[in-house]
């Protein structure tokens, strides 16, 4: 049985770090000293902002999947395919603890 609570805490920690990264980028952009498009020392603020935003959106999606899996665990449907109603193989649940469909239905 996966530790969904631990997975959830890990995602929340990641979201905290990404939030700090976003605040830092906002500060860098607002202070007027950053040259967003002509900095030869690395990626632009716009590029970094896009990267952080994509990671944040992915983490939010992962959090939603974990919360849904926790709800299925609470209501007794965890490990049961939402489409066909058959048990999802333990191997799949081990690899993807948030799976809600068996391989055939996925």
PDB file of N, CA and C in Angstrom:
ATOM      1  N   UNK A   1       0.856  -1.184   0.000  1.00  0.00           N
ATOM      2  CA  UNK A   1       0.000   0.000   0.000  1.00  0.00           C
ATOM      3  C   UNK A   1       0.899   1.242   0.000  1.00  0.00           C
ATOM      4  N   UNK A   2       0.732   2.114  -0.954  1.00  0.00           N
ATOM      5  CA  UNK A   2       1.568   3.318  -1.025  1.00  0.00           C
ATOM      6  C   UNK A   2       1.216   4.274   0.107  1.00  0.00           C
ATOM      7  N   UNK A   3       2.171   5.076   0.478  1.00  0.00           N
ATOM      8  CA  UNK A   3       1.927   6.088   1.496  1.00  0.00           C
ATOM      9  C   UNK A   3       1.494   7.373   0.781  1.00  0.00           C
ATOM     10  N   UNK A   4       0.201   7.469   0.510  1.00  0.00           N
ATOM     11  CA  UNK A   4      -0.335   8.628  -0.209  1.00  0.00           C
ATOM     12  C   UNK A   4      -0.130   9.912   0.585  1.00  0.00           C
ATOM     13  N   UNK A   5      -0.166   9.824   1.926  1.00  0.00           N
ATOM     14  CA  UNK A   5       0.068  11.008   2.750  1.00  0.00           C
ATOM     15  C   UNK A   5       1.478  11.535   2.540  1.00  0.00           C
ATOM     16  N   UNK A   6       2.455  10.634   2.481  1.00  0.00           N
ATOM     17  CA  UNK A   6       3.840  11.029   2.244  1.00  0.00           C
ATOM     18  C   UNK A   6       3.980  11.647   0.856  1.00  0.00           C
ATOM     19  N   UNK A   7       3.360  11.017  -0.134  1.00  0.00           N
ATOM     20  CA  UNK A   7       3.395  11.572  -1.488  1.00  0.00           C
ATOM     21  C   UNK A   7       2.806  12.979  -1.499  1.00  0.00           C
ATOM     22  N   UNK A   8       1.706  13.158  -0.778  1.00  0.00           N
ATOM     23  CA  UNK A   8       1.036  14.454  -0.721  1.00  0.00           C
ATOM     24  C   UNK A   8       1.935  15.511  -0.083  1.00  0.00           C
ATOM     25  N   UNK A   9       2.586  15.127   1.033  1.00  0.00           N
ATOM     26  CA  UNK A   9       3.496  16.068   1.702  1.00  0.00           C
ATOM     27  C   UNK A   9       4.648  16.456   0.789  1.00  0.00           C
ATOM     28  N   UNK A  10       5.176  15.477   0.030  1.00  0.00           N
ATOM     29  CA  UNK A  10       6.268  15.767  -0.898  1.00  0.00           C
ATOM     30  C   UNK A  10       5.840  16.786  -1.960  1.00  0.00           C
ATOM     31  N   UNK A  11       4.638  16.612  -2.492  1.00  0.00           N
ATOM     32  CA  UNK A  11       4.134  17.545  -3.507  1.00  0.00           C
ATOM     33  C   UNK A  11       3.923  18.932  -2.894  1.00  0.00           C
ATOM     34  N   UNK A  12       3.379  18.984  -1.686  1.00  0.00           N
ATOM     35  CA  UNK A  12       3.169  20.277  -1.024  1.00  0.00           C
ATOM     36  C   UNK A  12       4.501  20.981  -0.766  1.00  0.00           C
ATOM     37  N   UNK A  13       5.532  20.226  -0.396  1.00  0.00           N
ATOM     38  CA  UNK A  13       6.865  20.803  -0.202  1.00  0.00           C
ATOM     39  C   UNK A  13       7.396  21.353  -1.514  1.00  0.00           C
ATOM     40  N   UNK A  14       7.204  20.590  -2.593  1.00  0.00           N
ATOM     41  CA  UNK A  14       7.634  21.051  -3.920  1.00  0.00           C
ATOM     42  C   UNK A  14       6.905  22.335  -4.302  1.00  0.00           C
ATOM     43  N   UNK A  15       5.591  22.392  -4.016  1.00  0.00           N
ATOM     44  CA  UNK A  15       4.814  23.597  -4.329  1.00  0.00           C
ATOM     45  C   UNK A  15       5.297  24.797  -3.523  1.00  0.00           C
ATOM     46  N   UNK A  16       5.710  24.585  -2.278  1.00  0.00           N
ATOM     47  CA  UNK A  16       6.264  25.673  -1.475  1.00  0.00           C
ATOM     48  C   UNK A  16       7.529  26.222  -2.114  1.00  0.00           C
ATOM     49  N   UNK A  17       8.425  25.308  -2.525  1.00  0.00           N
ATOM     50  CA  UNK A  17       9.675  25.746  -3.168  1.00  0.00           C
ATOM     51  C   UNK A  17       9.386  26.499  -4.461  1.00  0.00           C
ATOM     52  N   UNK A  18       8.441  25.990  -5.247  1.00  0.00           N
ATOM     53  CA  UNK A  18       8.104  26.665  -6.505  1.00  0.00           C
ATOM     54  C   UNK A  18       7.481  28.029  -6.238  1.00  0.00           C
ATOM     55  N   UNK A  19       6.699  28.135  -5.184  1.00  0.00           N
ATOM     56  CA  UNK A  19       6.132  29.434  -4.806  1.00  0.00           C
ATOM     57  C   UNK A  19       7.235  30.417  -4.449  1.00  0.00           C
ATOM     58  N   UNK A  20       8.250  29.946  -3.726  1.00  0.00           N
ATOM     59  CA  UNK A  20       9.388  30.800  -3.395  1.00  0.00           C
ATOM     60  C   UNK A  20      10.130  31.218  -4.663  1.00  0.00           C
ATOM     61  N   UNK A  21      10.276  30.280  -5.591  1.00  0.00           N
ATOM     62  CA  UNK A  21      10.923  30.612  -6.865  1.00  0.00           C
ATOM     63  C   UNK A  21      10.130  31.676  -7.618  1.00  0.00           C
ATOM     64  N   UNK A  22       8.805  31.533  -7.635  1.00  0.00           N
ATOM     65  CA  UNK A  22       7.959  32.527  -8.319  1.00  0.00           C
ATOM     66  C   UNK A  22       8.103  33.895  -7.662  1.00  0.00           C
ATOM     67  N   UNK A  23       8.096  33.933  -6.333  1.00  0.00           N
ATOM     68  CA  UNK A  23       8.243  35.215  -5.632  1.00  0.00           C
ATOM     69  C   UNK A  23       9.592  35.849  -5.936  1.00  0.00           C
ATOM     70  N   UNK A  24      10.627  35.030  -6.023  1.00  0.00           N
ATOM     71  CA  UNK A  24      11.955  35.536  -6.355  1.00  0.00           C
ATOM     72  C   UNK A  24      11.985  36.117  -7.764  1.00  0.00           C
ATOM     73  N   UNK A  25      11.348  35.420  -8.696  1.00  0.00           N
ATOM     74  CA  UNK A  25      11.294  35.923 -10.069  1.00  0.00           C
ATOM     75  C   UNK A  25      10.506  37.228 -10.148  1.00  0.00           C
ATOM     76  N   UNK A  26       9.410  37.303  -9.407  1.00  0.00           N
ATOM     77  CA  UNK A  26       8.634  38.543  -9.373  1.00  0.00           C
ATOM     78  C   UNK A  26       9.476  39.683  -8.818  1.00  0.00           C
ATOM     79  N   UNK A  27      10.243  39.392  -7.782  1.00  0.00           N
ATOM     80  CA  UNK A  27      11.109  40.417  -7.193  1.00  0.00           C
ATOM     81  C   UNK A  27      12.163  40.864  -8.199  1.00  0.00           C
ATOM     82  N   UNK A  28      12.801  39.892  -8.868  1.00  0.00           N
ATOM     83  CA  UNK A  28      13.830  40.212  -9.864  1.00  0.00           C
ATOM     84  C   UNK A  28      13.258  41.051 -11.000  1.00  0.00           C
ATOM     85  N   UNK A  29      12.061  40.728 -11.409  1.00  0.00           N
ATOM     86  CA  UNK A  29      11.428  41.456 -12.507  1.00  0.00           C
ATOM     87  C   UNK A  29      11.033  42.859 -12.060  1.00  0.00           C
ATOM     88  N   UNK A  30      10.574  42.986 -10.829  1.00  0.00           N
ATOM     89  CA  UNK A  30      10.058  44.266 -10.332  1.00  0.00           C
ATOM     90  C   UNK A  30      11.161  45.243  -9.962  1.00  0.00           C
ATOM     91  N   UNK A  31      12.358  44.743  -9.633  1.00  0.00           N
ATOM     92  CA  UNK A  31      13.385  45.684  -9.165  1.00  0.00           C
ATOM     93  C   UNK A  31      14.021  46.487 -10.293  1.00  0.00           C
ATOM     94  N   UNK A  32      13.734  46.124 -11.540  1.00  0.00           N
ATOM     95  CA  UNK A  32      14.180  46.919 -12.678  1.00  0.00           C
ATOM     96  C   UNK A  32      15.626  46.707 -13.077  1.00  0.00           C
ATOM     97  N   UNK A  33      16.354  45.843 -12.388  1.00  0.00           N
ATOM     98  CA  UNK A  33      17.763  45.651 -12.727  1.00  0.00           C
ATOM     99  C   UNK A  33      17.992  44.469 -13.663  1.00  0.00           C
ATOM    100  N   UNK A  34      17.000  43.622 -13.809  1.00  0.00           N
ATOM    101  CA  UNK A  34      17.169  42.432 -14.650  1.00  0.00           C
ATOM    102  C   UNK A  34      16.898  42.774 -16.111  1.00  0.00           C
ATOM    103  N   UNK A  35      17.790  42.321 -16.962  1.00  0.00           N
ATOM    104  CA  UNK A  35      17.612  42.462 -18.404  1.00  0.00           C
ATOM    105  C   UNK A  35      17.062  41.145 -18.899  1.00  0.00           C
ATOM    106  N   UNK A  36      15.754  41.080 -19.060  1.00  0.00           N
ATOM    107  CA  UNK A  36      15.071  39.811 -19.323  1.00  0.00           C
ATOM    108  C   UNK A  36      15.499  39.150 -20.621  1.00  0.00           C
ATOM    109  N   UNK A  37      15.844  39.876 -21.615  1.00  0.00           N
ATOM    110  CA  UNK A  37      16.115  39.270 -22.919  1.00  0.00           C
ATOM    111  C   UNK A  37      17.586  39.290 -23.332  1.00  0.00           C
ATOM    112  N   UNK A  38      18.447  39.993 -22.622  1.00  0.00           N
ATOM    113  CA  UNK A  38      19.817  40.150 -23.105  1.00  0.00           C
ATOM    114  C   UNK A  38      20.868  39.749 -22.076  1.00  0.00           C
ATOM    115  N   UNK A  39      20.517  38.887 -21.147  1.00  0.00           N
ATOM    116  CA  UNK A  39      21.458  38.438 -20.132  1.00  0.00           C
ATOM    117  C   UNK A  39      22.275  37.283 -20.696  1.00  0.00           C
ATOM    118  N   UNK A  40      23.578  37.483 -20.932  1.00  0.00           N
ATOM    119  CA  UNK A  40      24.396  36.415 -21.497  1.00  0.00           C
ATOM    120  C   UNK A  40      24.727  35.317 -20.489  1.00  0.00           C
ATOM    121  N   UNK A  41      24.366  35.506 -19.243  1.00  0.00           N
ATOM    122  CA  UNK A  41      24.729  34.565 -18.192  1.00  0.00           C
ATOM    123  C   UNK A  41      23.708  33.462 -17.959  1.00  0.00           C
ATOM    124  N   UNK A  42      22.770  33.254 -18.829  1.00  0.00           N
ATOM    125  CA  UNK A  42      21.839  32.161 -18.621  1.00  0.00           C
ATOM    126  C   UNK A  42      20.474  32.431 -19.200  1.00  0.00           C
ATOM    127  N   UNK A  43      19.511  31.713 -18.646  1.00  0.00           N
ATOM    128  CA  UNK A  43      18.154  31.819 -19.175  1.00  0.00           C
ATOM    129  C   UNK A  43      17.527  33.159 -18.825  1.00  0.00           C
ATOM    130  N   UNK A  44      16.567  33.550 -19.621  1.00  0.00           N
ATOM    131  CA  UNK A  44      15.864  34.795 -19.371  1.00  0.00           C
ATOM    132  C   UNK A  44      14.857  34.600 -18.242  1.00  0.00           C
ATOM    133  N   UNK A  45      14.429  35.700 -17.649  1.00  0.00           N
ATOM    134  CA  UNK A  45      13.401  35.613 -16.613  1.00  0.00           C
ATOM    135  C   UNK A  45      12.127  35.009 -17.185  1.00  0.00           C
ATOM    136  N   UNK A  46      11.812  35.359 -18.420  1.00  0.00           N
ATOM    137  CA  UNK A  46      10.606  34.810 -19.048  1.00  0.00           C
ATOM    138  C   UNK A  46      10.703  33.297 -19.188  1.00  0.00           C
ATOM    139  N   UNK A  47      11.867  32.824 -19.602  1.00  0.00           N
ATOM    140  CA  UNK A  47      12.063  31.386 -19.739  1.00  0.00           C
ATOM    141  C   UNK A  47      11.989  30.683 -18.394  1.00  0.00           C
ATOM    142  N   UNK A  48      12.601  31.285 -17.394  1.00  0.00           N
ATOM    143  CA  UNK A  48      12.573  30.701 -16.053  1.00  0.00           C
ATOM    144  C   UNK A  48      11.154  30.727 -15.490  1.00  0.00           C
ATOM    145  N   UNK A  49      10.443  31.822 -15.747  1.00  0.00           N
ATOM    146  CA  UNK A  49       9.057  31.924 -15.288  1.00  0.00           C
ATOM    147  C   UNK A  49       8.210  30.812 -15.910  1.00  0.00           C
ATOM    148  N   UNK A  50       8.390  30.566 -17.189  1.00  0.00           N
ATOM    149  CA  UNK A  50       7.643  29.508 -17.874  1.00  0.00           C
ATOM    150  C   UNK A  50       7.966  28.141 -17.290  1.00  0.00           C
ATOM    151  N   UNK A  51       9.239  27.906 -16.995  1.00  0.00           N
ATOM    152  CA  UNK A  51       9.653  26.630 -16.421  1.00  0.00           C
ATOM    153  C   UNK A  51       9.020  26.424 -15.045  1.00  0.00           C
ATOM    154  N   UNK A  52       9.101  27.428 -14.188  1.00  0.00           N
ATOM    155  CA  UNK A  52       8.547  27.322 -12.835  1.00  0.00           C
ATOM    156  C   UNK A  52       7.031  27.156 -12.897  1.00  0.00           C
ATOM    157  N   UNK A  53       6.384  27.890 -13.796  1.00  0.00           N
ATOM    158  CA  UNK A  53       4.926  27.787 -13.928  1.00  0.00           C
ATOM    159  C   UNK A  53       4.515  26.389 -14.392  1.00  0.00           C
ATOM    160  N   UNK A  54       5.244  25.822 -15.335  1.00  0.00           N
ATOM    161  CA  UNK A  54       4.931  24.470 -15.816  1.00  0.00           C
ATOM    162  C   UNK A  54       5.119  23.442 -14.701  1.00  0.00           C
ATOM    163  N   UNK A  55       6.181  23.585 -13.927  1.00  0.00           N
ATOM    164  CA  UNK A  55       6.406  22.671 -12.799  1.00  0.00           C
ATOM    165  C   UNK A  55       5.317  22.815 -11.743  1.00  0.00           C
ATOM    166  N   UNK A  56       4.888  24.044 -11.501  1.00  0.00           N
ATOM    167  CA  UNK A  56       3.827  24.288 -10.517  1.00  0.00           C
ATOM    168  C   UNK A  56       2.518  23.665 -10.982  1.00  0.00           C
ATOM    169  N   UNK A  57       2.171  23.851 -12.251  1.00  0.00           N
ATOM    170  CA  UNK A  57       0.927  23.267 -12.781  1.00  0.00           C
ATOM    171  C   UNK A  57       0.972  21.737 -12.731  1.00  0.00           C
ATOM    172  N   UNK A  58       2.126  21.160 -13.037  1.00  0.00           N
ATOM    173  CA  UNK A  58       2.271  19.699 -12.976  1.00  0.00           C
ATOM    174  C   UNK A  58       2.109  19.212 -11.534  1.00  0.00           C
ATOM    175  N   UNK A  59       2.682  19.926 -10.579  1.00  0.00           N
ATOM    176  CA  UNK A  59       2.567  19.538  -9.170  1.00  0.00           C
ATOM    177  C   UNK A  59       1.125  19.655  -8.694  1.00  0.00           C
ATOM    178  N   UNK A  60       0.417  20.683  -9.143  1.00  0.00           N
ATOM    179  CA  UNK A  60      -0.997  20.821  -8.772  1.00  0.00           C
ATOM    180  C   UNK A  60      -1.821  19.662  -9.337  1.00  0.00           C
ATOM    181  N   UNK A  61      -1.505  19.239 -10.557  1.00  0.00           N
ATOM    182  CA  UNK A  61      -2.184  18.088 -11.140  1.00  0.00           C
ATOM    183  C   UNK A  61      -1.884  16.817 -10.365  1.00  0.00           C
ATOM    184  N   UNK A  62      -0.627  16.651  -9.956  1.00  0.00           N
ATOM    185  CA  UNK A  62      -0.235  15.491  -9.162  1.00  0.00           C
ATOM    186  C   UNK A  62      -0.962  15.499  -7.813  1.00  0.00           C
ATOM    187  N   UNK A  63      -1.069  16.681  -7.211  1.00  0.00           N
ATOM    188  CA  UNK A  63      -1.781  16.811  -5.935  1.00  0.00           C
ATOM    189  C   UNK A  63      -3.246  16.414  -6.093  1.00  0.00           C
ATOM    190  N   UNK A  64      -3.867  16.832  -7.173  1.00  0.00           N
ATOM    191  CA  UNK A  64      -5.270  16.464  -7.426  1.00  0.00           C
ATOM    192  C   UNK A  64      -5.414  14.951  -7.591  1.00  0.00           C
ATOM    193  N   UNK A  65      -4.465  14.319  -8.278  1.00  0.00           N
ATOM    194  CA  UNK A  65      -4.506  12.866  -8.453  1.00  0.00           C
ATOM    195  C   UNK A  65      -4.356  12.150  -7.108  1.00  0.00           C
ATOM    196  N   UNK A  66      -3.465  12.644  -6.270  1.00  0.00           N
ATOM    197  CA  UNK A  66      -3.257  12.043  -4.950  1.00  0.00           C
ATOM    198  C   UNK A  66      -4.509  12.209  -4.095  1.00  0.00           C
ATOM    199  N   UNK A  67      -5.089  13.411  -4.116  1.00  0.00           N
ATOM    200  CA  UNK A  67      -6.309  13.647  -3.335  1.00  0.00           C
ATOM    201  C   UNK A  67      -7.444  12.736  -3.803  1.00  0.00           C
ATOM    202  N   UNK A  68      -7.553  12.530  -5.109  1.00  0.00           N
ATOM    203  CA  UNK A  68      -8.590  11.638  -5.634  1.00  0.00           C
ATOM    204  C   UNK A  68      -8.324  10.193  -5.199  1.00  0.00           C
ATOM    205  N   UNK A  69      -7.066   9.776  -5.207  1.00  0.00           N
ATOM    206  CA  UNK A  69      -6.724   8.422  -4.763  1.00  0.00           C
ATOM    207  C   UNK A  69      -7.039   8.260  -3.276  1.00  0.00           C
ATOM    208  N   UNK A  70      -6.775   9.295  -2.486  1.00  0.00           N
ATOM    209  CA  UNK A  70      -7.082   9.235  -1.053  1.00  0.00           C
ATOM    210  C   UNK A  70      -8.595   9.145  -0.827  1.00  0.00           C
ATOM    211  N   UNK A  71      -9.352   9.828  -1.662  1.00  0.00           N
ATOM    212  CA  UNK A  71     -10.819   9.749  -1.560  1.00  0.00           C
ATOM    213  C   UNK A  71     -11.297   8.345  -1.913  1.00  0.00           C
ATOM    214  N   UNK A  72     -10.693   7.739  -2.941  1.00  0.00           N
ATOM    215  CA  UNK A  72     -11.059   6.367  -3.298  1.00  0.00           C
ATOM    216  C   UNK A  72     -10.690   5.397  -2.182  1.00  0.00           C
ATOM    217  N   UNK A  73      -9.556   5.633  -1.547  1.00  0.00           N
ATOM    218  CA  UNK A  73      -9.145   4.794  -0.419  1.00  0.00           C
ATOM    219  C   UNK A  73     -10.174   4.901   0.707  1.00  0.00           C
ATOM    220  N   UNK A  74     -10.616   6.123   0.982  1.00  0.00           N
ATOM    221  CA  UNK A  74     -11.586   6.353   2.060  1.00  0.00           C
ATOM    222  C   UNK A  74     -12.941   5.714   1.762  1.00  0.00           C
ATOM    223  N   UNK A  75     -13.350   5.728   0.492  1.00  0.00           N
ATOM    224  CA  UNK A  75     -14.681   5.178   0.184  1.00  0.00           C
ATOM    225  C   UNK A  75     -14.653   3.713  -0.261  1.00  0.00           C
ATOM    226  N   UNK A  76     -13.460   3.098  -0.211  1.00  0.00           N
ATOM    227  CA  UNK A  76     -13.358   1.674  -0.498  1.00  0.00           C
ATOM    228  C   UNK A  76     -13.239   1.310  -1.963  1.00  0.00           C
ATOM    229  N   UNK A  77     -13.008   2.282  -2.834  1.00  0.00           N
ATOM    230  CA  UNK A  77     -12.898   1.977  -4.261  1.00  0.00           C
ATOM    231  C   UNK A  77     -11.467   2.056  -4.773  1.00  0.00           C
ATOM    232  N   UNK A  78     -10.500   2.267  -3.882  1.00  0.00           N
ATOM    233  CA  UNK A  78      -9.088   2.315  -4.284  1.00  0.00           C
ATOM    234  C   UNK A  78      -8.688   0.955  -4.844  1.00  0.00           C
ATOM    235  N   UNK A  79      -8.036   0.969  -6.009  1.00  0.00           N
ATOM    236  CA  UNK A  79      -7.598  -0.275  -6.635  1.00  0.00           C
ATOM    237  C   UNK A  79      -8.658  -0.942  -7.486  1.00  0.00           C
ATOM    238  N   UNK A  80      -9.798  -0.289  -7.645  1.00  0.00           N
ATOM    239  CA  UNK A  80     -10.882  -0.794  -8.493  1.00  0.00           C
ATOM    240  C   UNK A  80     -10.987   0.132  -9.706  1.00  0.00           C
ATOM    241  N   UNK A  81     -11.004  -0.452 -10.888  1.00  0.00           N
ATOM    242  CA  UNK A  81     -11.077   0.344 -12.112  1.00  0.00           C
ATOM    243  C   UNK A  81     -12.377   1.143 -12.149  1.00  0.00           C
ATOM    244  N   UNK A  82     -12.262   2.431 -12.375  1.00  0.00           N
ATOM    245  CA  UNK A  82     -13.430   3.315 -12.423  1.00  0.00           C
ATOM    246  C   UNK A  82     -14.296   3.060 -13.654  1.00  0.00           C
ATOM    247  N   UNK A  83     -13.747   2.422 -14.686  1.00  0.00           N
ATOM    248  CA  UNK A  83     -14.506   2.182 -15.905  1.00  0.00           C
ATOM    249  C   UNK A  83     -15.159   0.794 -15.915  1.00  0.00           C
ATOM    250  N   UNK A  84     -14.368  -0.263 -15.672  1.00  0.00           N
ATOM    251  CA  UNK A  84     -14.915  -1.622 -15.804  1.00  0.00           C
ATOM    252  C   UNK A  84     -15.263  -2.271 -14.467  1.00  0.00           C
ATOM    253  N   UNK A  85     -14.788  -1.692 -13.372  1.00  0.00           N
ATOM    254  CA  UNK A  85     -15.110  -2.219 -12.052  1.00  0.00           C
ATOM    255  C   UNK A  85     -14.279  -3.406 -11.603  1.00  0.00           C
ATOM    256  N   UNK A  86     -13.309  -3.810 -12.409  1.00  0.00           N
ATOM    257  CA  UNK A  86     -12.437  -4.926 -12.026  1.00  0.00           C
ATOM    258  C   UNK A  86     -11.279  -4.397 -11.175  1.00  0.00           C
ATOM    259  N   UNK A  87     -10.666  -5.280 -10.393  1.00  0.00           N
ATOM    260  CA  UNK A  87      -9.494  -4.859  -9.618  1.00  0.00           C
ATOM    261  C   UNK A  87      -8.349  -4.442 -10.540  1.00  0.00           C
ATOM    262  N   UNK A  88      -7.666  -3.390 -10.152  1.00  0.00           N
ATOM    263  CA  UNK A  88      -6.470  -2.955 -10.880  1.00  0.00           C
ATOM    264  C   UNK A  88      -5.315  -3.807 -10.346  1.00  0.00           C
ATOM    265  N   UNK A  89      -4.516  -4.422 -11.218  1.00  0.00           N
ATOM    266  CA  UNK A  89      -3.425  -5.273 -10.749  1.00  0.00           C
ATOM    267  C   UNK A  89      -2.507  -4.536  -9.765  1.00  0.00           C
ATOM    268  N   UNK A  90      -2.070  -5.285  -8.752  1.00  0.00           N
ATOM    269  CA  UNK A  90      -1.209  -4.713  -7.708  1.00  0.00           C
ATOM    270  C   UNK A  90       0.060  -4.105  -8.299  1.00  0.00           C
ATOM    271  N   UNK A  91       0.580  -4.716  -9.356  1.00  0.00           N
ATOM    272  CA  UNK A  91       1.794  -4.194  -9.982  1.00  0.00           C
ATOM    273  C   UNK A  91       1.574  -2.788 -10.524  1.00  0.00           C
ATOM    274  N   UNK A  92       0.416  -2.568 -11.134  1.00  0.00           N
ATOM    275  CA  UNK A  92       0.112  -1.229 -11.663  1.00  0.00           C
ATOM    276  C   UNK A  92      -0.037  -0.239 -10.521  1.00  0.00           C
ATOM    277  N   UNK A  93      -0.710  -0.653  -9.453  1.00  0.00           N
ATOM    278  CA  UNK A  93      -0.915   0.246  -8.324  1.00  0.00           C
ATOM    279  C   UNK A  93       0.406   0.571  -7.630  1.00  0.00           C
ATOM    280  N   UNK A  94       1.340  -0.382  -7.679  1.00  0.00           N
ATOM    281  CA  UNK A  94       2.645  -0.142  -7.083  1.00  0.00           C
ATOM    282  C   UNK A  94       3.423   0.899  -7.887  1.00  0.00           C
ATOM    283  N   UNK A  95       3.343   0.778  -9.208  1.00  0.00           N
ATOM    284  CA  UNK A  95       4.060   1.702 -10.087  1.00  0.00           C
ATOM    285  C   UNK A  95       3.361   3.058 -10.154  1.00  0.00           C
ATOM    286  N   UNK A  96       2.030   3.035 -10.171  1.00  0.00           N
ATOM    287  CA  UNK A  96       1.247   4.267 -10.287  1.00  0.00           C
ATOM    288  C   UNK A  96       0.138   4.252  -9.228  1.00  0.00           C
ATOM    289  N   UNK A  97       0.475   4.634  -7.985  1.00  0.00           N
ATOM    290  CA  UNK A  97      -0.482   4.537  -6.880  1.00  0.00           C
ATOM    291  C   UNK A  97      -1.739   5.385  -7.047  1.00  0.00           C
ATOM    292  N   UNK A  98      -1.729   6.309  -7.972  1.00  0.00           N
ATOM    293  CA  UNK A  98      -2.908   7.155  -8.176  1.00  0.00           C
ATOM    294  C   UNK A  98      -3.777   6.664  -9.336  1.00  0.00           C
ATOM    295  N   UNK A  99      -3.423   5.509  -9.907  1.00  0.00           N
ATOM    296  CA  UNK A  99      -4.183   4.978 -11.049  1.00  0.00           C
ATOM    297  C   UNK A  99      -5.639   4.738 -10.661  1.00  0.00           C
ATOM    298  N   UNK A 100      -6.525   5.125 -11.552  1.00  0.00           N
ATOM    299  CA  UNK A 100      -7.946   4.878 -11.331  1.00  0.00           C
ATOM    300  C   UNK A 100      -8.558   3.995 -12.435  1.00  0.00           C
ATOM    301  N   UNK A 101      -7.701   3.629 -13.402  1.00  0.00           N
ATOM    302  CA  UNK A 101      -8.121   2.733 -14.474  1.00  0.00           C
ATOM    303  C   UNK A 101      -7.147   1.574 -14.583  1.00  0.00           C
ATOM    304  N   UNK A 102      -7.668   0.402 -14.933  1.00  0.00           N
ATOM    305  CA  UNK A 102      -6.787  -0.734 -15.206  1.00  0.00           C
ATOM    306  C   UNK A 102      -6.078  -0.480 -16.534  1.00  0.00           C
ATOM    307  N   UNK A 103      -5.109  -1.311 -16.859  1.00  0.00           N
ATOM    308  CA  UNK A 103      -4.336  -1.118 -18.102  1.00  0.00           C
ATOM    309  C   UNK A 103      -5.246  -1.208 -19.317  1.00  0.00           C
ATOM    310  N   UNK A 104      -6.156  -2.164 -19.336  1.00  0.00           N
ATOM    311  CA  UNK A 104      -7.028  -2.337 -20.499  1.00  0.00           C
ATOM    312  C   UNK A 104      -7.915  -1.100 -20.714  1.00  0.00           C
ATOM    313  N   UNK A 105      -8.386  -0.496 -19.645  1.00  0.00           N
ATOM    314  CA  UNK A 105      -9.278   0.674 -19.778  1.00  0.00           C
ATOM    315  C   UNK A 105      -8.495   1.968 -19.988  1.00  0.00           C
ATOM    316  N   UNK A 106      -7.239   1.969 -19.546  1.00  0.00           N
ATOM    317  CA  UNK A 106      -6.426   3.182 -19.704  1.00  0.00           C
ATOM    318  C   UNK A 106      -6.049   3.345 -21.161  1.00  0.00           C
TER     319      UNK A 106
END
